[in-house]
Amino acid sequence: MGAWGIGHWIVVLLIVLVVFGTKRLRNAGKDLGEAVKGFKEGMRDPDEKPAGQLGNERKAESQEQSERDRAQH
């Protein structure tokens, strides 16, 4: 008796849509997404680079290392 079925959740969703409207819910979702994105950017170190840039640096470092190894031999 305490568990809510899918029918209950559909009724709750319809009531929320009627009370708030789709435009207000869309704006709230957009604001929440921007807040999460801002939080993630704020948690990143200023010196830290995105993952895509790390791969390029590692490739360049390994190429430099291999060139140094060739020059020594």
Protein backbone atom coordinates (compact mmCIF):
# COMPACT_ATOMS: atom_id res chain seq x y z
CA MET A 1 0.00 0.00 0.00
CA GLY A 2 2.90 2.38 0.65
CA ALA A 3 4.53 1.94 -2.75
CA TRP A 4 3.63 4.32 -5.55
CA GLY A 5 2.96 2.81 -8.93
CA ILE A 6 3.51 4.33 -12.35
CA GLY A 7 -0.09 5.56 -12.41
CA HIS A 8 0.45 7.64 -9.29
CA TRP A 9 3.59 9.24 -10.74
CA ILE A 10 1.78 10.13 -13.98
CA VAL A 11 -0.97 11.87 -12.01
CA VAL A 12 1.63 13.79 -9.97
CA LEU A 13 3.44 14.81 -13.17
CA LEU A 14 0.21 16.06 -14.74
CA ILE A 15 -0.63 18.10 -11.64
CA VAL A 16 2.85 19.65 -11.62
CA LEU A 17 2.53 20.52 -15.32
CA VAL A 18 -0.86 22.16 -14.74
CA VAL A 19 0.32 24.13 -11.71
CA PHE A 20 3.70 25.32 -13.03
CA GLY A 21 3.30 25.09 -16.80
CA THR A 22 5.84 23.77 -19.27
CA LYS A 23 7.64 27.08 -19.82
CA ARG A 24 8.44 27.57 -16.15
CA LEU A 25 9.60 23.95 -15.79
CA ARG A 26 11.79 24.29 -18.90
CA ASN A 27 13.39 27.44 -17.49
CA ALA A 28 13.97 25.74 -14.14
CA GLY A 29 15.67 22.80 -15.87
CA LYS A 30 17.87 25.13 -17.90
CA ASP A 31 18.89 27.07 -14.79
CA LEU A 32 19.70 23.85 -12.95
CA GLY A 33 21.84 22.62 -15.85
CA GLU A 34 23.77 25.90 -15.99
CA ALA A 35 24.32 25.76 -12.22
CA VAL A 36 25.75 22.24 -12.44
CA LYS A 37 28.01 23.25 -15.34
CA GLY A 38 29.25 26.29 -13.40
CA PHE A 39 29.91 24.14 -10.34
CA LYS A 40 31.98 21.67 -12.36
CA GLU A 41 34.02 24.48 -13.90
CA GLY A 42 34.55 26.01 -10.46
CA MET A 43 35.82 22.73 -9.02
CA ARG A 44 38.45 22.38 -11.72
CA ASP A 45 41.96 23.68 -10.92
CA PRO A 46 42.96 26.72 -12.97
CA ASP A 47 46.17 24.92 -14.00
CA GLU A 48 44.34 21.70 -14.87
CA LYS A 49 43.67 21.17 -18.54
CA PRO A 50 40.71 19.33 -20.04
CA ALA A 51 41.21 15.64 -20.78
CA GLY A 52 41.43 16.19 -24.54
CA GLN A 53 44.46 18.44 -24.14
CA LEU A 54 46.27 16.02 -21.85
CA GLY A 55 46.52 13.38 -24.56
CA ASN A 56 48.25 15.78 -26.95
CA GLU A 57 50.82 16.79 -24.34
CA ARG A 58 51.58 13.17 -23.50
CA LYS A 59 52.10 12.35 -27.17
CA ALA A 60 54.47 15.29 -27.56
CA GLU A 61 56.41 14.27 -24.44
CA SER A 62 56.74 10.67 -25.63
CA GLN A 63 57.95 11.85 -29.05
CA GLU A 64 60.56 14.10 -27.41
CA GLN A 65 61.68 11.22 -25.20
CA SER A 66 62.03 8.87 -28.17
CA GLU A 67 64.03 11.49 -30.08
CA ARG A 68 66.36 11.90 -27.08
CA ASP A 69 66.78 8.12 -26.88
CA ARG A 70 67.69 7.96 -30.57
CA ALA A 71 70.20 10.80 -30.20
CA GLN A 72 71.93 9.01 -27.30
CA HIS A 73 72.37 5.76 -29.23
